Protein backbone atom coordinates (compact mmCIF):
# COMPACT_ATOMS: atom_id res chain seq x y z
CA MET A 1 0.12 0.26 0.23
CA HIS A 2 1.40 3.41 -0.82
CA THR A 3 1.06 6.16 1.58
CA PRO A 4 0.73 9.85 -0.15
CA PHE A 5 3.63 11.67 1.65
CA THR A 6 1.02 14.54 2.28
CA GLN A 7 -0.79 11.90 5.43
CA THR A 8 2.84 11.94 7.33
CA LYS A 9 3.37 13.57 10.56
CA GLU A 10 6.15 15.12 8.81
CA TYR A 11 4.06 16.74 6.28
CA LEU A 12 2.37 18.37 9.10
CA SER A 13 4.90 19.70 11.17
CA TRP A 14 5.94 21.92 7.87
CA HIS A 15 2.11 23.33 8.23
CA ALA A 16 2.57 23.84 11.94
CA GLN A 17 5.69 25.03 11.72
CA ILE A 18 3.92 28.60 9.75
CA GLY A 19 1.59 28.21 12.19
CA GLU A 20 -1.26 26.27 10.66
CA LYS A 21 -3.60 24.16 12.97
CA THR A 22 -2.96 20.48 11.79
CA TYR A 23 -4.51 16.95 13.18
CA TYR A 24 -3.57 13.69 13.06
CA LYS A 25 -5.91 11.05 13.74
CA GLU A 26 -6.04 7.16 13.75
CA PHE A 27 -8.97 5.14 13.60
CA TYR A 28 -9.66 1.98 15.44
CA THR A 29 -11.71 -1.19 15.51
CA GLN A 30 -12.30 -3.38 18.36
CA THR A 31 -11.93 -7.26 17.63
CA GLU A 32 -11.49 -10.29 19.42
CA ASN A 33 -7.69 -9.88 19.52
CA GLY A 34 -8.30 -6.12 20.96
CA LYS A 35 -7.78 -2.84 18.97
CA VAL A 36 -6.93 -2.87 15.33
CA LEU A 37 -5.61 0.22 13.18
CA ILE A 38 -8.11 0.26 10.32
CA ALA A 39 -7.15 4.17 9.08
CA THR A 40 -5.12 7.22 10.03
CA ALA A 41 -6.03 10.34 8.30
CA SER A 42 -3.68 13.91 8.23
CA PHE A 43 -5.50 16.94 8.63
CA LEU A 44 -5.04 21.07 7.54
CA VAL A 45 -7.20 23.09 8.76
CA ILE A 46 -7.44 25.93 5.82
CA GLU A 47 -8.71 29.28 5.90
CA LEU A 48 -10.50 30.52 3.09
CA LYS A 49 -13.10 33.25 2.40
CA ILE A 50 -16.19 31.54 3.74
CA GLY A 51 -14.38 30.31 6.45
CA LYS A 52 -12.42 27.26 7.91
CA VAL A 53 -12.59 24.18 5.56
CA LEU A 54 -10.92 20.65 7.76
CA TYR A 55 -8.93 19.50 4.63
CA CYS A 56 -7.09 15.66 3.94
CA PRO A 57 -5.33 15.93 1.62
CA TYR A 58 -4.99 12.63 -0.49
CA GLY A 59 -6.30 10.91 2.45
CA PRO A 60 -7.57 9.35 4.96
CA VAL A 61 -5.23 6.16 4.32
CA PHE A 62 -7.29 2.68 4.73
CA PHE A 63 -5.80 -0.71 5.95
CA VAL A 64 -8.98 -2.42 5.81
CA SER A 65 -12.07 -2.89 4.19
CA LEU A 66 -14.49 -1.22 6.10
CA LYS A 67 -17.75 -2.20 7.71
CA LYS A 68 -20.83 0.10 7.73
CA VAL A 69 -20.66 0.76 11.69
CA GLU A 70 -16.78 1.59 10.80
CA LYS A 71 -17.21 4.15 8.35
CA ASN A 72 -20.11 5.33 10.41
CA LYS A 73 -17.46 5.62 13.51
CA ILE A 74 -14.82 7.21 11.35
CA ILE A 75 -16.85 10.12 9.96
CA LYS A 76 -18.52 10.64 13.30
CA GLU A 77 -15.19 11.44 14.17
CA ILE A 78 -14.33 13.66 12.01
CA HIS A 79 -17.71 15.42 12.03
CA GLU A 80 -17.05 15.91 15.32
CA LEU A 81 -13.68 17.22 14.73
CA ALA A 82 -14.67 20.17 12.07
CA VAL A 83 -17.57 21.26 14.44
CA ASN A 84 -14.74 21.66 17.33
CA GLU A 85 -12.89 23.89 14.79
CA ASP A 86 -15.84 25.72 13.79
CA CYS A 87 -15.46 24.67 10.30
CA VAL A 88 -17.91 25.23 6.98
CA PHE A 89 -17.13 22.06 5.93
CA VAL A 90 -14.78 18.99 5.41
CA ARG A 91 -13.04 18.01 2.50
CA LEU A 92 -11.69 14.34 1.95
CA GLU A 93 -9.93 12.58 -0.56
CA ASP A 94 -10.81 9.17 -0.89
CA GLU A 95 -9.43 7.78 -4.35
CA ASN A 96 -9.73 3.76 -3.34
CA GLY A 97 -13.50 4.73 -2.82
CA TYR A 98 -13.32 3.28 0.31
CA LEU A 99 -16.05 5.70 1.75
CA LYS A 100 -18.77 5.46 -1.28
CA ASN A 101 -22.22 5.65 -0.98
CA THR A 102 -21.60 6.99 3.01
CA LYS A 103 -24.03 9.11 4.61
CA TYR A 104 -23.30 12.85 4.69
CA LEU A 105 -20.75 13.01 2.37
CA PHE A 106 -21.21 14.45 -1.30
CA ASN A 107 -19.16 14.99 -4.32
CA PRO A 108 -18.56 18.31 -5.35
CA PHE A 109 -19.27 19.01 -9.16
CA LYS A 110 -16.06 19.16 -11.66
CA LYS A 111 -16.41 22.54 -12.19
CA THR A 112 -16.28 23.51 -8.52
CA PHE A 113 -12.64 22.57 -8.36
CA SER A 114 -10.75 22.02 -11.41
CA SER A 115 -8.46 25.51 -11.42
CA GLU A 116 -8.12 25.22 -6.99
CA GLY A 117 -4.58 25.88 -6.28
CA ILE A 118 -4.93 25.60 -2.37
CA PHE A 119 -6.05 21.57 -2.45
CA GLN A 120 -3.89 18.83 -4.01
CA PRO A 121 -3.95 18.36 -7.71
CA ARG A 122 -6.28 15.56 -9.21
CA MET A 123 -4.40 14.46 -11.76
CA GLU A 124 -0.32 13.88 -11.67
CA TRP A 125 1.61 12.77 -14.00
CA TRP A 126 3.31 9.29 -13.51
CA LEU A 127 6.51 7.43 -14.47
CA ASP A 128 6.72 3.93 -14.06
CA LEU A 129 10.40 3.05 -13.22
CA LYS A 130 10.51 -0.58 -13.46
CA GLU A 131 11.93 -0.79 -16.93
CA SER A 132 15.56 -0.42 -17.86
CA SER A 133 17.17 3.02 -17.89
CA ASP A 134 17.50 2.30 -21.26
CA ASP A 135 13.86 1.40 -21.65
CA LEU A 136 13.17 4.95 -19.82
CA LEU A 137 15.26 6.51 -22.19
CA ASN A 138 14.00 5.54 -25.37
CA ARG A 139 9.98 6.88 -23.89
CA VAL A 140 11.83 10.19 -23.68
CA HIS A 141 10.53 12.42 -26.62
CA LYS A 142 13.29 13.06 -28.95
CA ASP A 143 13.51 16.71 -28.27
CA HIS A 144 14.21 16.04 -24.44
CA LYS A 145 16.35 13.96 -25.43
CA TYR A 146 18.32 16.34 -27.43
CA SER A 147 18.37 19.03 -24.21
CA ILE A 148 19.50 16.24 -22.17
CA ARG A 149 22.63 15.73 -24.49
CA ARG A 150 23.28 19.41 -25.04
CA ALA A 151 23.27 19.95 -21.49
CA GLN A 152 25.73 17.25 -21.06
CA LYS A 153 28.01 18.70 -24.17
CA GLU A 154 27.96 22.20 -22.49
CA GLY A 155 29.54 20.61 -19.09
CA ILE A 156 26.81 21.13 -17.24
CA GLU A 157 27.19 19.27 -13.98
CA VAL A 158 24.40 17.58 -11.83
CA GLU A 159 25.04 17.22 -8.22
CA ILE A 160 22.74 15.11 -5.92
CA ILE A 161 22.66 15.80 -2.05
CA SER A 162 20.93 13.58 0.45
CA HIS A 163 22.51 14.37 3.38
CA ASP A 164 22.77 17.13 5.42
CA LEU A 165 19.91 19.16 3.54
CA HIS A 166 19.59 22.70 5.71
CA ASN A 167 23.29 22.81 4.22
CA HIS A 168 22.12 24.01 0.76
CA PHE A 169 18.81 25.80 1.39
CA SER A 170 20.27 29.37 0.61
CA GLU A 171 20.73 28.12 -2.83
CA PHE A 172 17.27 26.06 -3.09
CA TRP A 173 15.77 29.15 -1.55
CA LYS A 174 17.23 31.89 -4.28
CA LEU A 175 16.18 29.82 -6.87
CA MET A 176 12.52 29.12 -5.92
CA GLU A 177 12.02 33.10 -5.41
CA THR A 178 13.47 33.37 -8.82
CA THR A 179 10.87 31.05 -10.70
CA SER A 180 7.79 32.38 -8.15
CA LEU A 181 8.48 35.84 -9.42
CA ARG A 182 8.92 34.57 -13.04
CA ASP A 183 5.67 31.97 -13.17
CA LEU A 184 3.78 34.35 -10.98
CA PHE A 185 3.23 31.60 -8.19
CA THR A 186 2.84 32.19 -4.63
CA LEU A 187 5.62 30.52 -2.41
CA HIS A 188 4.82 29.45 1.60
CA GLN A 189 6.70 31.34 4.01
CA LYS A 190 9.94 30.79 4.08
CA GLU A 191 9.88 28.97 7.37
CA TYR A 192 8.11 25.75 5.77
CA TYR A 193 10.70 24.83 3.33
CA GLN A 194 13.17 25.48 5.90
CA GLU A 195 11.42 22.58 8.34
CA ILE A 196 11.64 20.50 5.38
CA PHE A 197 15.42 20.63 4.94
CA LYS A 198 15.88 20.22 9.05
CA THR A 199 15.73 16.46 8.72
CA ALA A 200 18.60 14.90 7.14
CA GLY A 201 17.85 13.40 3.89
CA GLU A 202 18.35 9.35 4.74
CA THR A 203 16.60 9.21 7.93
CA HIS A 204 13.50 9.75 9.79
CA GLU A 205 10.82 8.43 11.87
CA HIS A 206 8.91 8.58 9.28
CA ASP A 207 10.36 6.86 6.69
CA LEU A 208 9.81 9.83 4.52
CA LYS A 209 13.49 10.20 2.68
CA LYS A 210 14.38 13.22 0.54
CA PHE A 211 17.27 14.26 -1.89
CA LEU A 212 17.73 17.32 -4.07
CA VAL A 213 19.54 17.20 -7.24
CA PHE A 214 21.39 20.56 -8.52
CA THR A 215 22.47 21.52 -12.13
CA LYS A 216 25.59 23.53 -11.99
CA LEU A 217 27.62 25.39 -14.46
CA ASN A 218 31.20 27.10 -13.78
CA GLY A 219 29.87 27.25 -10.25
CA GLU A 220 26.85 28.79 -10.95
CA TYR A 221 23.50 26.71 -9.50
CA LEU A 222 21.24 26.87 -12.39
CA SER A 223 18.60 24.53 -11.23
CA VAL A 224 16.81 22.18 -8.21
CA ALA A 225 14.86 19.94 -7.52
CA LEU A 226 13.23 18.82 -3.97
CA ILE A 227 12.09 15.22 -4.34
CA LEU A 228 10.80 13.46 -1.57
CA ILE A 229 10.22 9.60 -0.97
CA LYS A 230 7.67 7.70 0.62
CA ASP A 231 6.49 4.49 -0.19
CA HIS A 232 8.80 3.42 -3.35
CA ILE A 233 7.39 6.93 -4.81
CA ALA A 234 9.63 9.56 -5.82
CA ASN A 235 7.56 12.92 -5.79
CA LEU A 236 8.92 15.71 -7.20
CA ALA A 237 7.85 18.11 -4.61
CA PHE A 238 9.45 21.45 -5.84
CA ALA A 239 11.93 22.87 -9.03
CA GLY A 240 12.93 26.08 -9.48
CA SER A 241 15.70 27.51 -11.96
CA VAL A 242 17.29 30.72 -13.25
CA SER A 243 15.70 32.83 -15.87
CA GLU A 244 18.36 32.63 -17.79
CA LYS A 245 20.49 30.12 -20.31
CA ARG A 246 16.96 28.09 -20.33
CA GLU A 247 18.19 26.97 -24.17
CA LEU A 248 20.98 24.76 -22.88
CA GLY A 249 18.78 22.41 -21.02
CA PHE A 250 19.48 22.04 -17.47
CA ASN A 251 15.91 21.40 -16.32
CA HIS A 252 15.42 18.59 -18.80
CA LEU A 253 18.89 17.04 -17.60
CA MET A 254 18.08 17.96 -13.97
CA GLN A 255 14.69 16.01 -14.16
CA TRP A 256 15.89 13.09 -15.83
CA SER A 257 18.93 12.77 -13.76
CA ALA A 258 16.41 13.08 -10.73
CA ILE A 259 14.33 9.60 -12.47
CA LEU A 260 17.43 8.04 -12.74
CA GLU A 261 18.26 8.54 -9.07
CA ALA A 262 14.89 7.57 -7.85
CA LYS A 263 15.22 4.47 -9.84
CA ASN A 264 18.84 3.78 -8.33
CA ARG A 265 16.88 3.83 -5.13
CA GLU A 266 14.31 1.16 -5.97
CA CYS A 267 11.47 3.73 -6.47
CA GLU A 268 8.46 2.04 -8.36
CA ILE A 269 7.01 5.61 -9.70
CA TYR A 270 8.75 9.06 -10.41
CA ASN A 271 5.67 11.49 -9.36
CA PHE A 272 6.11 14.62 -11.66
CA GLY A 273 3.23 16.40 -9.91
CA GLY A 274 0.31 18.32 -10.74
CA ILE A 275 -1.15 18.72 -14.61
CA PHE A 276 -3.82 19.73 -16.54
CA GLU A 277 -5.72 17.03 -17.78
CA ASN A 278 -9.02 16.13 -18.97
CA GLY A 279 -10.42 19.77 -17.17
CA TYR A 280 -8.97 19.35 -14.41
CA GLY A 281 -5.76 21.97 -13.10
CA LYS A 282 -5.07 24.59 -14.02
CA LYS A 283 -5.00 25.78 -17.44
CA GLY A 284 -1.50 27.59 -16.92
CA LEU A 285 -0.18 24.16 -16.51
CA GLN A 286 -0.48 23.52 -19.62
CA GLY A 287 3.41 24.16 -20.81
CA VAL A 288 4.28 22.10 -18.01
CA THR A 289 2.01 18.95 -18.41
CA ASN A 290 3.68 19.14 -22.02
CA PHE A 291 7.34 18.98 -20.95
CA LYS A 292 6.47 16.22 -17.95
CA ASN A 293 4.50 14.35 -20.65
CA LYS A 294 7.81 14.29 -22.70
CA PHE A 295 9.79 12.22 -20.39
CA GLY A 296 6.87 9.39 -20.87
CA GLY A 297 4.16 7.79 -18.44
CA TYR A 298 0.81 8.44 -17.95
CA ALA A 299 -1.93 10.86 -16.32
CA LYS A 300 -2.76 9.85 -12.83
CA PHE A 301 -6.18 10.61 -11.47
CA HIS A 302 -6.78 10.91 -8.24
CA GLY A 303 -10.30 10.78 -8.01
CA ASN A 304 -12.95 13.64 -6.97
CA PHE A 305 -13.38 15.10 -3.55
CA LEU A 306 -15.70 14.12 -1.03
CA ASP A 307 -17.14 16.86 1.08
CA MET A 308 -19.19 16.91 4.63
CA PRO A 309 -20.98 20.28 4.77
CA ILE A 310 -21.38 21.39 8.22
CA LYS A 311 -22.76 24.82 7.83
CA LYS A 312 -24.94 23.67 4.80
CA LEU A 313 -26.39 27.49 3.53
CA ARG A 314 -22.68 29.04 3.86
CA TYR A 315 -21.10 25.54 2.27
CA CYS A 316 -23.98 25.81 -0.85
CA LEU A 317 -23.24 29.30 -1.97
CA TYR A 318 -19.62 28.20 -1.90
CA ILE A 319 -20.39 25.68 -4.49
CA ILE A 320 -23.01 28.01 -6.28
CA LYS A 321 -20.18 30.42 -6.49
CA LYS A 322 -18.03 28.19 -7.62
CA MET A 323 -20.43 26.81 -10.53
CA LEU A 324 -20.41 30.66 -11.58
């Protein structure tokens, strides 16, 4: 079973570092042999204009198929948490359908969340790493192959960091700031990323491993990717680059190097992150989507949201506004 990194205690610690309220819940059932863990859930309390939302990114995580009484018990506990936090609604992401046809849960219309940036993407681009490196390279589009070869010929170096990540935070942050200004997206607070870099890349109590991939030319840092590994999935969490010399292909070489490193670490999937596909995601991601597609792979659909309205009138107004 794959547990998303967004459902780990470490992920919650990043958000807690910038003052956001978080919860980690464990759900049990009683058997003849005692209590058995059946599910876990990591929650963020998100502030929207309409009020607070209790959000479970790519969760809950279920370990067994649930009986009706167990589903109801989980929903009741989540409902109580949301009421105590004075939330307008709860948003769950049960892509495997464990909570299907459960009372009080509502599937919002696709149109209401297709361009949301605050919630995790419905569509991501995944690459299966079970093939050989040569076979993976054969699946890369010829344009990307050309860019990878050009970067190598230009003498661009690749540096992979898996220990003492905090020693390289300043280079990472500078590239992220440059990228956010160029591509017009908002970064988290600096402390959020510093919290990620605090733990050494190879060991952590929650088994979330990390490594950085830098490209450099004549000592100048050109691009960076931060990869998070959880349950044999390598997730491209963040990437940044300079605005100059992009024709040299250093971003292509960086991604290809990250893919090879993930494969060497026995990962089964390389997750490029969110894309625009079938109306899901932001239309502004079309260029990024094309870039990811050319490495080979497939679109991974995470299913639609499941909402639990708490303040029903305010929730309805939120949905209507999104529809319009």
